[in-house]
């Protein structure tokens, strides 16, 4: 019985590690489809931040802002996302959040 439990836990752990490895590989892709796929079961917000960069490079500022706002809903204290939102849109709300989170660096 214990052996079966150990095997089940090991298989689950290997499956999870496989998903995380796949996610890391997909995060390096310049494709929106791959970056969306990298979000599956991945708590990291990096795929969404990279999608925002991709959208901005394509002139899709609204989509970039939406991607960053999704990051900020999950991580309201994400200084990088607030900075990018300000950089991409000039949103004063983003500048205020940056000043709140990093009073010395947001000058």
PDB file of N, CA and C in Angstrom:
ATOM      1  N   UNK A   1       0.815  -1.193   0.000  1.00  0.00           N
ATOM      2  CA  UNK A   1       0.000   0.000   0.000  1.00  0.00           C
ATOM      3  C   UNK A   1       0.865   1.267   0.000  1.00  0.00           C
ATOM      4  N   UNK A   2       1.896   1.295   0.840  1.00  0.00           N
ATOM      5  CA  UNK A   2       2.778   2.461   0.891  1.00  0.00           C
ATOM      6  C   UNK A   2       3.510   2.648  -0.428  1.00  0.00           C
ATOM      7  N   UNK A   3       3.923   1.551  -1.006  1.00  0.00           N
ATOM      8  CA  UNK A   3       4.645   1.627  -2.277  1.00  0.00           C
ATOM      9  C   UNK A   3       3.757   2.250  -3.357  1.00  0.00           C
ATOM     10  N   UNK A   4       2.505   1.860  -3.392  1.00  0.00           N
ATOM     11  CA  UNK A   4       1.568   2.418  -4.377  1.00  0.00           C
ATOM     12  C   UNK A   4       1.372   3.916  -4.157  1.00  0.00           C
ATOM     13  N   UNK A   5       1.304   4.327  -2.899  1.00  0.00           N
ATOM     14  CA  UNK A   5       1.150   5.750  -2.587  1.00  0.00           C
ATOM     15  C   UNK A   5       2.376   6.535  -3.033  1.00  0.00           C
ATOM     16  N   UNK A   6       3.553   5.992  -2.790  1.00  0.00           N
ATOM     17  CA  UNK A   6       4.794   6.650  -3.198  1.00  0.00           C
ATOM     18  C   UNK A   6       4.853   6.762  -4.718  1.00  0.00           C
ATOM     19  N   UNK A   7       4.468   5.712  -5.396  1.00  0.00           N
ATOM     20  CA  UNK A   7       4.472   5.727  -6.862  1.00  0.00           C
ATOM     21  C   UNK A   7       3.478   6.760  -7.379  1.00  0.00           C
ATOM     22  N   UNK A   8       2.306   6.832  -6.785  1.00  0.00           N
ATOM     23  CA  UNK A   8       1.291   7.805  -7.216  1.00  0.00           C
ATOM     24  C   UNK A   8       1.790   9.233  -7.025  1.00  0.00           C
ATOM     25  N   UNK A   9       2.414   9.493  -5.892  1.00  0.00           N
ATOM     26  CA  UNK A   9       2.959  10.829  -5.636  1.00  0.00           C
ATOM     27  C   UNK A   9       4.082  11.144  -6.623  1.00  0.00           C
ATOM     28  N   UNK A  10       4.932  10.189  -6.907  1.00  0.00           N
ATOM     29  CA  UNK A  10       6.040  10.398  -7.846  1.00  0.00           C
ATOM     30  C   UNK A  10       5.517  10.685  -9.251  1.00  0.00           C
ATOM     31  N   UNK A  11       4.512   9.943  -9.679  1.00  0.00           N
ATOM     32  CA  UNK A  11       3.938  10.169 -11.011  1.00  0.00           C
ATOM     33  C   UNK A  11       3.300  11.553 -11.085  1.00  0.00           C
ATOM     34  N   UNK A  12       2.581  11.942 -10.044  1.00  0.00           N
ATOM     35  CA  UNK A  12       1.967  13.272 -10.014  1.00  0.00           C
ATOM     36  C   UNK A  12       3.039  14.367 -10.061  1.00  0.00           C
ATOM     37  N   UNK A  13       4.101  14.183  -9.292  1.00  0.00           N
ATOM     38  CA  UNK A  13       5.179  15.177  -9.272  1.00  0.00           C
ATOM     39  C   UNK A  13       5.856  15.273 -10.634  1.00  0.00           C
ATOM     40  N   UNK A  14       6.115  14.152 -11.266  1.00  0.00           N
ATOM     41  CA  UNK A  14       6.734  14.173 -12.595  1.00  0.00           C
ATOM     42  C   UNK A  14       5.822  14.844 -13.621  1.00  0.00           C
ATOM     43  N   UNK A  15       4.536  14.594 -13.513  1.00  0.00           N
ATOM     44  CA  UNK A  15       3.582  15.253 -14.409  1.00  0.00           C
ATOM     45  C   UNK A  15       3.600  16.758 -14.229  1.00  0.00           C
ATOM     46  N   UNK A  16       3.591  17.195 -12.977  1.00  0.00           N
ATOM     47  CA  UNK A  16       3.631  18.631 -12.689  1.00  0.00           C
ATOM     48  C   UNK A  16       4.934  19.250 -13.204  1.00  0.00           C
ATOM     49  N   UNK A  17       6.053  18.601 -12.954  1.00  0.00           N
ATOM     50  CA  UNK A  17       7.331  19.122 -13.441  1.00  0.00           C
ATOM     51  C   UNK A  17       7.361  19.177 -14.966  1.00  0.00           C
ATOM     52  N   UNK A  18       6.765  18.194 -15.603  1.00  0.00           N
ATOM     53  CA  UNK A  18       6.679  18.212 -17.065  1.00  0.00           C
ATOM     54  C   UNK A  18       5.879  19.401 -17.573  1.00  0.00           C
ATOM     55  N   UNK A  19       4.764  19.696 -16.918  1.00  0.00           N
ATOM     56  CA  UNK A  19       3.956  20.858 -17.308  1.00  0.00           C
ATOM     57  C   UNK A  19       4.726  22.160 -17.116  1.00  0.00           C
ATOM     58  N   UNK A  20       5.463  22.272 -16.022  1.00  0.00           N
ATOM     59  CA  UNK A  20       6.230  23.486 -15.765  1.00  0.00           C
ATOM     60  C   UNK A  20       7.362  23.651 -16.782  1.00  0.00           C
ATOM     61  N   UNK A  21       8.005  22.556 -17.150  1.00  0.00           N
ATOM     62  CA  UNK A  21       9.074  22.616 -18.151  1.00  0.00           C
ATOM     63  C   UNK A  21       8.508  23.048 -19.502  1.00  0.00           C
ATOM     64  N   UNK A  22       7.364  22.498 -19.857  1.00  0.00           N
ATOM     65  CA  UNK A  22       6.692  22.874 -21.109  1.00  0.00           C
ATOM     66  C   UNK A  22       6.345  24.360 -21.089  1.00  0.00           C
ATOM     67  N   UNK A  23       5.840  24.819 -19.964  1.00  0.00           N
ATOM     68  CA  UNK A  23       5.478  26.226 -19.830  1.00  0.00           C
ATOM     69  C   UNK A  23       6.695  27.126 -20.019  1.00  0.00           C
ATOM     70  N   UNK A  24       7.815  26.743 -19.438  1.00  0.00           N
ATOM     71  CA  UNK A  24       9.038  27.544 -19.593  1.00  0.00           C
ATOM     72  C   UNK A  24       9.479  27.611 -21.051  1.00  0.00           C
ATOM     73  N   UNK A  25       9.385  26.487 -21.758  1.00  0.00           N
ATOM     74  CA  UNK A  25       9.754  26.490 -23.175  1.00  0.00           C
ATOM     75  C   UNK A  25       8.813  27.388 -23.974  1.00  0.00           C
ATOM     76  N   UNK A  26       7.528  27.313 -23.697  1.00  0.00           N
ATOM     77  CA  UNK A  26       6.552  28.125 -24.433  1.00  0.00           C
ATOM     78  C   UNK A  26       6.723  29.613 -24.153  1.00  0.00           C
ATOM     79  N   UNK A  27       7.190  29.962 -22.960  1.00  0.00           N
ATOM     80  CA  UNK A  27       7.364  31.373 -22.603  1.00  0.00           C
ATOM     81  C   UNK A  27       8.429  32.064 -23.438  1.00  0.00           C
ATOM     82  N   UNK A  28       9.323  31.308 -24.028  1.00  0.00           N
ATOM     83  CA  UNK A  28      10.381  31.910 -24.837  1.00  0.00           C
ATOM     84  C   UNK A  28       9.955  32.128 -26.277  1.00  0.00           C
ATOM     85  N   UNK A  29       8.764  31.682 -26.623  1.00  0.00           N
ATOM     86  CA  UNK A  29       8.272  31.801 -27.992  1.00  0.00           C
ATOM     87  C   UNK A  29       7.705  33.196 -28.239  1.00  0.00           C
ATOM     88  N   UNK A  30       7.899  33.733 -29.436  1.00  0.00           N
ATOM     89  CA  UNK A  30       7.320  35.034 -29.763  1.00  0.00           C
ATOM     90  C   UNK A  30       5.883  34.931 -30.273  1.00  0.00           C
ATOM     91  N   UNK A  31       5.244  33.806 -30.064  1.00  0.00           N
ATOM     92  CA  UNK A  31       3.896  33.573 -30.575  1.00  0.00           C
ATOM     93  C   UNK A  31       2.857  33.780 -29.477  1.00  0.00           C
ATOM     94  N   UNK A  32       1.794  34.527 -29.794  1.00  0.00           N
ATOM     95  CA  UNK A  32       0.711  34.739 -28.832  1.00  0.00           C
ATOM     96  C   UNK A  32       0.088  33.404 -28.431  1.00  0.00           C
ATOM     97  N   UNK A  33      -0.068  32.523 -29.379  1.00  0.00           N
ATOM     98  CA  UNK A  33      -0.661  31.210 -29.101  1.00  0.00           C
ATOM     99  C   UNK A  33       0.176  30.428 -28.086  1.00  0.00           C
ATOM    100  N   UNK A  34       1.496  30.436 -28.266  1.00  0.00           N
ATOM    101  CA  UNK A  34       2.375  29.734 -27.334  1.00  0.00           C
ATOM    102  C   UNK A  34       2.362  30.392 -25.956  1.00  0.00           C
ATOM    103  N   UNK A  35       2.339  31.718 -25.936  1.00  0.00           N
ATOM    104  CA  UNK A  35       2.322  32.420 -24.656  1.00  0.00           C
ATOM    105  C   UNK A  35       1.014  32.157 -23.908  1.00  0.00           C
ATOM    106  N   UNK A  36      -0.104  32.063 -24.626  1.00  0.00           N
ATOM    107  CA  UNK A  36      -1.375  31.709 -23.982  1.00  0.00           C
ATOM    108  C   UNK A  36      -1.306  30.289 -23.434  1.00  0.00           C
ATOM    109  N   UNK A  37      -0.717  29.390 -24.194  1.00  0.00           N
ATOM    110  CA  UNK A  37      -0.585  27.999 -23.753  1.00  0.00           C
ATOM    111  C   UNK A  37       0.327  27.900 -22.523  1.00  0.00           C
ATOM    112  N   UNK A  38       1.303  28.792 -22.419  1.00  0.00           N
ATOM    113  CA  UNK A  38       2.231  28.776 -21.290  1.00  0.00           C
ATOM    114  C   UNK A  38       1.533  29.135 -19.979  1.00  0.00           C
ATOM    115  N   UNK A  39       0.343  29.725 -20.053  1.00  0.00           N
ATOM    116  CA  UNK A  39      -0.390  30.123 -18.851  1.00  0.00           C
ATOM    117  C   UNK A  39      -1.100  28.952 -18.183  1.00  0.00           C
ATOM    118  N   UNK A  40      -1.279  27.845 -18.896  1.00  0.00           N
ATOM    119  CA  UNK A  40      -2.043  26.719 -18.370  1.00  0.00           C
ATOM    120  C   UNK A  40      -1.365  26.160 -17.117  1.00  0.00           C
ATOM    121  N   UNK A  41      -2.084  26.165 -16.019  1.00  0.00           N
ATOM    122  CA  UNK A  41      -1.616  25.668 -14.720  1.00  0.00           C
ATOM    123  C   UNK A  41      -0.321  26.340 -14.264  1.00  0.00           C
ATOM    124  N   UNK A  42      -0.074  27.555 -14.727  1.00  0.00           N
ATOM    125  CA  UNK A  42       1.151  28.270 -14.395  1.00  0.00           C
ATOM    126  C   UNK A  42       0.781  29.523 -13.597  1.00  0.00           C
ATOM    127  N   UNK A  43       1.192  29.607 -12.337  1.00  0.00           N
ATOM    128  CA  UNK A  43       0.846  30.778 -11.533  1.00  0.00           C
ATOM    129  C   UNK A  43       1.671  32.024 -11.881  1.00  0.00           C
ATOM    130  N   UNK A  44       2.735  31.854 -12.648  1.00  0.00           N
ATOM    131  CA  UNK A  44       3.613  32.970 -13.003  1.00  0.00           C
ATOM    132  C   UNK A  44       2.903  33.915 -13.969  1.00  0.00           C
ATOM    133  N   UNK A  45       3.120  35.201 -13.820  1.00  0.00           N
ATOM    134  CA  UNK A  45       2.505  36.197 -14.696  1.00  0.00           C
ATOM    135  C   UNK A  45       3.394  36.544 -15.893  1.00  0.00           C
ATOM    136  N   UNK A  46       4.578  35.977 -15.960  1.00  0.00           N
ATOM    137  CA  UNK A  46       5.510  36.297 -17.045  1.00  0.00           C
ATOM    138  C   UNK A  46       4.919  36.075 -18.442  1.00  0.00           C
ATOM    139  N   UNK A  47       4.171  34.995 -18.696  1.00  0.00           N
ATOM    140  CA  UNK A  47       3.597  34.858 -20.040  1.00  0.00           C
ATOM    141  C   UNK A  47       2.697  36.034 -20.422  1.00  0.00           C
ATOM    142  N   UNK A  48       1.936  36.566 -19.469  1.00  0.00           N
ATOM    143  CA  UNK A  48       1.069  37.710 -19.770  1.00  0.00           C
ATOM    144  C   UNK A  48       1.873  38.988 -19.993  1.00  0.00           C
ATOM    145  N   UNK A  49       2.943  39.153 -19.239  1.00  0.00           N
ATOM    146  CA  UNK A  49       3.802  40.327 -19.447  1.00  0.00           C
ATOM    147  C   UNK A  49       4.444  40.245 -20.829  1.00  0.00           C
ATOM    148  N   UNK A  50       4.889  39.064 -21.216  1.00  0.00           N
ATOM    149  CA  UNK A  50       5.486  38.901 -22.553  1.00  0.00           C
ATOM    150  C   UNK A  50       4.446  39.103 -23.647  1.00  0.00           C
ATOM    151  N   UNK A  51       3.207  38.661 -23.398  1.00  0.00           N
ATOM    152  CA  UNK A  51       2.139  38.918 -24.372  1.00  0.00           C
ATOM    153  C   UNK A  51       1.934  40.429 -24.534  1.00  0.00           C
ATOM    154  N   UNK A  52       2.008  41.165 -23.429  1.00  0.00           N
ATOM    155  CA  UNK A  52       1.850  42.620 -23.496  1.00  0.00           C
ATOM    156  C   UNK A  52       2.943  43.232 -24.381  1.00  0.00           C
ATOM    157  N   UNK A  53       4.186  42.782 -24.213  1.00  0.00           N
ATOM    158  CA  UNK A  53       5.272  43.264 -25.073  1.00  0.00           C
ATOM    159  C   UNK A  53       5.003  42.913 -26.539  1.00  0.00           C
ATOM    160  N   UNK A  54       4.541  41.705 -26.771  1.00  0.00           N
ATOM    161  CA  UNK A  54       4.240  41.274 -28.133  1.00  0.00           C
ATOM    162  C   UNK A  54       3.165  42.160 -28.745  1.00  0.00           C
ATOM    163  N   UNK A  55       2.079  42.388 -28.006  1.00  0.00           N
ATOM    164  CA  UNK A  55       0.990  43.227 -28.505  1.00  0.00           C
ATOM    165  C   UNK A  55       1.476  44.655 -28.775  1.00  0.00           C
ATOM    166  N   UNK A  56       2.259  45.191 -27.851  1.00  0.00           N
ATOM    167  CA  UNK A  56       2.754  46.556 -28.022  1.00  0.00           C
ATOM    168  C   UNK A  56       3.635  46.648 -29.267  1.00  0.00           C
ATOM    169  N   UNK A  57       4.456  45.638 -29.512  1.00  0.00           N
ATOM    170  CA  UNK A  57       5.333  45.666 -30.690  1.00  0.00           C
ATOM    171  C   UNK A  57       4.539  45.584 -31.987  1.00  0.00           C
ATOM    172  N   UNK A  58       3.315  45.060 -31.894  1.00  0.00           N
ATOM    173  CA  UNK A  58       2.441  44.970 -33.070  1.00  0.00           C
ATOM    174  C   UNK A  58       1.508  46.169 -33.180  1.00  0.00           C
ATOM    175  N   UNK A  59       1.677  47.150 -32.294  1.00  0.00           N
ATOM    176  CA  UNK A  59       0.817  48.323 -32.316  1.00  0.00           C
ATOM    177  C   UNK A  59      -0.552  48.081 -31.698  1.00  0.00           C
ATOM    178  N   UNK A  60      -0.677  47.027 -30.928  1.00  0.00           N
ATOM    179  CA  UNK A  60      -1.959  46.668 -30.304  1.00  0.00           C
ATOM    180  C   UNK A  60      -1.937  47.097 -28.832  1.00  0.00           C
ATOM    181  N   UNK A  61      -1.927  48.411 -28.626  1.00  0.00           N
ATOM    182  CA  UNK A  61      -1.782  48.962 -27.279  1.00  0.00           C
ATOM    183  C   UNK A  61      -2.924  48.547 -26.366  1.00  0.00           C
ATOM    184  N   UNK A  62      -4.151  48.515 -26.870  1.00  0.00           N
ATOM    185  CA  UNK A  62      -5.284  48.113 -26.020  1.00  0.00           C
ATOM    186  C   UNK A  62      -5.130  46.675 -25.527  1.00  0.00           C
ATOM    187  N   UNK A  63      -4.710  45.788 -26.426  1.00  0.00           N
ATOM    188  CA  UNK A  63      -4.493  44.397 -26.022  1.00  0.00           C
ATOM    189  C   UNK A  63      -3.348  44.297 -25.013  1.00  0.00           C
ATOM    190  N   UNK A  64      -2.307  45.103 -25.208  1.00  0.00           N
ATOM    191  CA  UNK A  64      -1.186  45.113 -24.263  1.00  0.00           C
ATOM    192  C   UNK A  64      -1.671  45.570 -22.888  1.00  0.00           C
ATOM    193  N   UNK A  65      -2.481  46.622 -22.878  1.00  0.00           N
ATOM    194  CA  UNK A  65      -3.006  47.128 -21.609  1.00  0.00           C
ATOM    195  C   UNK A  65      -3.900  46.095 -20.940  1.00  0.00           C
ATOM    196  N   UNK A  66      -4.723  45.410 -21.714  1.00  0.00           N
ATOM    197  CA  UNK A  66      -5.592  44.366 -21.145  1.00  0.00           C
ATOM    198  C   UNK A  66      -4.780  43.236 -20.524  1.00  0.00           C
ATOM    199  N   UNK A  67      -3.716  42.845 -21.194  1.00  0.00           N
ATOM    200  CA  UNK A  67      -2.860  41.778 -20.654  1.00  0.00           C
ATOM    201  C   UNK A  67      -2.233  42.225 -19.333  1.00  0.00           C
ATOM    202  N   UNK A  68      -1.758  43.457 -19.290  1.00  0.00           N
ATOM    203  CA  UNK A  68      -1.148  43.969 -18.063  1.00  0.00           C
ATOM    204  C   UNK A  68      -2.178  44.150 -16.954  1.00  0.00           C
ATOM    205  N   UNK A  69      -3.382  44.569 -17.304  1.00  0.00           N
ATOM    206  CA  UNK A  69      -4.424  44.711 -16.291  1.00  0.00           C
ATOM    207  C   UNK A  69      -4.795  43.353 -15.698  1.00  0.00           C
ATOM    208  N   UNK A  70      -4.726  42.298 -16.512  1.00  0.00           N
ATOM    209  CA  UNK A  70      -4.942  40.954 -15.979  1.00  0.00           C
ATOM    210  C   UNK A  70      -3.870  40.577 -14.971  1.00  0.00           C
ATOM    211  N   UNK A  71      -2.638  40.943 -15.271  1.00  0.00           N
ATOM    212  CA  UNK A  71      -1.537  40.699 -14.328  1.00  0.00           C
ATOM    213  C   UNK A  71      -1.801  41.464 -13.032  1.00  0.00           C
ATOM    214  N   UNK A  72      -2.233  42.710 -13.158  1.00  0.00           N
ATOM    215  CA  UNK A  72      -2.424  43.550 -11.981  1.00  0.00           C
ATOM    216  C   UNK A  72      -3.628  43.134 -11.145  1.00  0.00           C
ATOM    217  N   UNK A  73      -4.607  42.490 -11.753  1.00  0.00           N
ATOM    218  CA  UNK A  73      -5.713  41.946 -10.959  1.00  0.00           C
ATOM    219  C   UNK A  73      -5.212  40.830 -10.032  1.00  0.00           C
ATOM    220  N   UNK A  74      -4.264  40.048 -10.542  1.00  0.00           N
ATOM    221  CA  UNK A  74      -3.708  38.955  -9.738  1.00  0.00           C
ATOM    222  C   UNK A  74      -2.617  39.432  -8.792  1.00  0.00           C
ATOM    223  N   UNK A  75      -1.866  40.434  -9.228  1.00  0.00           N
ATOM    224  CA  UNK A  75      -0.731  40.939  -8.443  1.00  0.00           C
ATOM    225  C   UNK A  75      -0.778  42.467  -8.416  1.00  0.00           C
ATOM    226  N   UNK A  76      -1.618  43.050  -7.557  1.00  0.00           N
ATOM    227  CA  UNK A  76      -1.767  44.506  -7.564  1.00  0.00           C
ATOM    228  C   UNK A  76      -0.503  45.276  -7.188  1.00  0.00           C
ATOM    229  N   UNK A  77       0.470  44.608  -6.611  1.00  0.00           N
ATOM    230  CA  UNK A  77       1.725  45.274  -6.251  1.00  0.00           C
ATOM    231  C   UNK A  77       2.857  44.959  -7.219  1.00  0.00           C
ATOM    232  N   UNK A  78       2.534  44.564  -8.434  1.00  0.00           N
ATOM    233  CA  UNK A  78       3.548  44.214  -9.430  1.00  0.00           C
ATOM    234  C   UNK A  78       4.080  45.503 -10.057  1.00  0.00           C
ATOM    235  N   UNK A  79       5.215  45.941  -9.569  1.00  0.00           N
ATOM    236  CA  UNK A  79       5.821  47.195 -10.004  1.00  0.00           C
ATOM    237  C   UNK A  79       6.129  47.191 -11.499  1.00  0.00           C
ATOM    238  N   UNK A  80       6.637  46.076 -11.994  1.00  0.00           N
ATOM    239  CA  UNK A  80       6.971  45.978 -13.425  1.00  0.00           C
ATOM    240  C   UNK A  80       5.722  46.172 -14.293  1.00  0.00           C
ATOM    241  N   UNK A  81       4.626  45.526 -13.926  1.00  0.00           N
ATOM    242  CA  UNK A  81       3.403  45.646 -14.719  1.00  0.00           C
ATOM    243  C   UNK A  81       2.855  47.070 -14.690  1.00  0.00           C
ATOM    244  N   UNK A  82       2.891  47.704 -13.521  1.00  0.00           N
ATOM    245  CA  UNK A  82       2.436  49.100 -13.450  1.00  0.00           C
ATOM    246  C   UNK A  82       3.321  49.993 -14.320  1.00  0.00           C
ATOM    247  N   UNK A  83       4.632  49.761 -14.272  1.00  0.00           N
ATOM    248  CA  UNK A  83       5.546  50.565 -15.085  1.00  0.00           C
ATOM    249  C   UNK A  83       5.306  50.380 -16.573  1.00  0.00           C
ATOM    250  N   UNK A  84       5.087  49.149 -16.986  1.00  0.00           N
ATOM    251  CA  UNK A  84       4.820  48.901 -18.408  1.00  0.00           C
ATOM    252  C   UNK A  84       3.488  49.501 -18.831  1.00  0.00           C
ATOM    253  N   UNK A  85       2.484  49.387 -17.953  1.00  0.00           N
ATOM    254  CA  UNK A  85       1.187  49.983 -18.279  1.00  0.00           C
ATOM    255  C   UNK A  85       1.326  51.483 -18.482  1.00  0.00           C
ATOM    256  N   UNK A  86       2.103  52.127 -17.623  1.00  0.00           N
ATOM    257  CA  UNK A  86       2.337  53.571 -17.799  1.00  0.00           C
ATOM    258  C   UNK A  86       3.117  53.840 -19.078  1.00  0.00           C
ATOM    259  N   UNK A  87       4.143  53.065 -19.316  1.00  0.00           N
ATOM    260  CA  UNK A  87       4.969  53.258 -20.505  1.00  0.00           C
ATOM    261  C   UNK A  87       4.156  53.070 -21.782  1.00  0.00           C
ATOM    262  N   UNK A  88       3.300  52.068 -21.814  1.00  0.00           N
ATOM    263  CA  UNK A  88       2.531  51.767 -23.019  1.00  0.00           C
ATOM    264  C   UNK A  88       1.346  52.708 -23.226  1.00  0.00           C
ATOM    265  N   UNK A  89       0.728  53.162 -22.118  1.00  0.00           N
ATOM    266  CA  UNK A  89      -0.525  53.913 -22.258  1.00  0.00           C
ATOM    267  C   UNK A  89      -0.478  55.334 -21.717  1.00  0.00           C
ATOM    268  N   UNK A  90       0.488  55.622 -20.866  1.00  0.00           N
ATOM    269  CA  UNK A  90       0.532  56.940 -20.228  1.00  0.00           C
ATOM    270  C   UNK A  90      -0.539  57.097 -19.156  1.00  0.00           C
ATOM    271  N   UNK A  91      -1.101  56.002 -18.697  1.00  0.00           N
ATOM    272  CA  UNK A  91      -2.164  56.002 -17.692  1.00  0.00           C
ATOM    273  C   UNK A  91      -1.632  56.564 -16.377  1.00  0.00           C
ATOM    274  N   UNK A  92      -2.205  57.682 -15.942  1.00  0.00           N
ATOM    275  CA  UNK A  92      -1.756  58.327 -14.706  1.00  0.00           C
ATOM    276  C   UNK A  92      -1.967  57.441 -13.483  1.00  0.00           C
ATOM    277  N   UNK A  93      -2.991  56.604 -13.520  1.00  0.00           N
ATOM    278  CA  UNK A  93      -3.255  55.668 -12.428  1.00  0.00           C
ATOM    279  C   UNK A  93      -2.044  54.737 -12.242  1.00  0.00           C
ATOM    280  N   UNK A  94      -1.434  54.338 -13.353  1.00  0.00           N
ATOM    281  CA  UNK A  94      -0.262  53.465 -13.301  1.00  0.00           C
ATOM    282  C   UNK A  94       0.930  54.210 -12.696  1.00  0.00           C
ATOM    283  N   UNK A  95       1.079  55.472 -13.052  1.00  0.00           N
ATOM    284  CA  UNK A  95       2.175  56.268 -12.493  1.00  0.00           C
ATOM    285  C   UNK A  95       2.002  56.431 -10.984  1.00  0.00           C
ATOM    286  N   UNK A  96       0.772  56.682 -10.548  1.00  0.00           N
ATOM    287  CA  UNK A  96       0.507  56.807  -9.115  1.00  0.00           C
ATOM    288  C   UNK A  96       0.804  55.499  -8.375  1.00  0.00           C
ATOM    289  N   UNK A  97       0.442  54.383  -8.978  1.00  0.00           N
ATOM    290  CA  UNK A  97       0.728  53.083  -8.356  1.00  0.00           C
ATOM    291  C   UNK A  97       2.228  52.864  -8.266  1.00  0.00           C
ATOM    292  N   UNK A  98       2.955  53.244  -9.300  1.00  0.00           N
ATOM    293  CA  UNK A  98       4.424  53.119  -9.259  1.00  0.00           C
ATOM    294  C   UNK A  98       5.007  53.967  -8.146  1.00  0.00           C
ATOM    295  N   UNK A  99       4.496  55.184  -8.014  1.00  0.00           N
ATOM    296  CA  UNK A  99       5.003  56.065  -6.950  1.00  0.00           C
ATOM    297  C   UNK A  99       4.696  55.500  -5.571  1.00  0.00           C
ATOM    298  N   UNK A 100       3.534  54.888  -5.434  1.00  0.00           N
ATOM    299  CA  UNK A 100       3.157  54.290  -4.157  1.00  0.00           C
ATOM    300  C   UNK A 100       4.065  53.099  -3.826  1.00  0.00           C
ATOM    301  N   UNK A 101       4.352  52.275  -4.839  1.00  0.00           N
ATOM    302  CA  UNK A 101       5.133  51.061  -4.617  1.00  0.00           C
ATOM    303  C   UNK A 101       6.635  51.318  -4.522  1.00  0.00           C
ATOM    304  N   UNK A 102       7.100  52.340  -5.232  1.00  0.00           N
ATOM    305  CA  UNK A 102       8.543  52.638  -5.263  1.00  0.00           C
ATOM    306  C   UNK A 102       8.732  54.149  -5.265  1.00  0.00           C
ATOM    307  N   UNK A 103       8.559  54.785  -4.112  1.00  0.00           N
ATOM    308  CA  UNK A 103       8.592  56.240  -4.066  1.00  0.00           C
ATOM    309  C   UNK A 103       9.901  56.848  -4.559  1.00  0.00           C
ATOM    310  N   UNK A 104      11.013  56.184  -4.360  1.00  0.00           N
ATOM    311  CA  UNK A 104      12.295  56.735  -4.794  1.00  0.00           C
ATOM    312  C   UNK A 104      12.584  56.482  -6.266  1.00  0.00           C
ATOM    313  N   UNK A 105      12.176  55.342  -6.776  1.00  0.00           N
ATOM    314  CA  UNK A 105      12.511  54.979  -8.151  1.00  0.00           C
ATOM    315  C   UNK A 105      11.532  55.457  -9.196  1.00  0.00           C
ATOM    316  N   UNK A 106      10.381  55.956  -8.796  1.00  0.00           N
ATOM    317  CA  UNK A 106       9.340  56.336  -9.766  1.00  0.00           C
ATOM    318  C   UNK A 106       9.366  57.800 -10.122  1.00  0.00           C
ATOM    319  N   UNK A 107      10.449  58.461  -9.855  1.00  0.00           N
ATOM    320  CA  UNK A 107      10.541  59.906 -10.144  1.00  0.00           C
ATOM    321  C   UNK A 107      10.636  60.173 -11.603  1.00  0.00           C
TER     322      UNK A 107
END
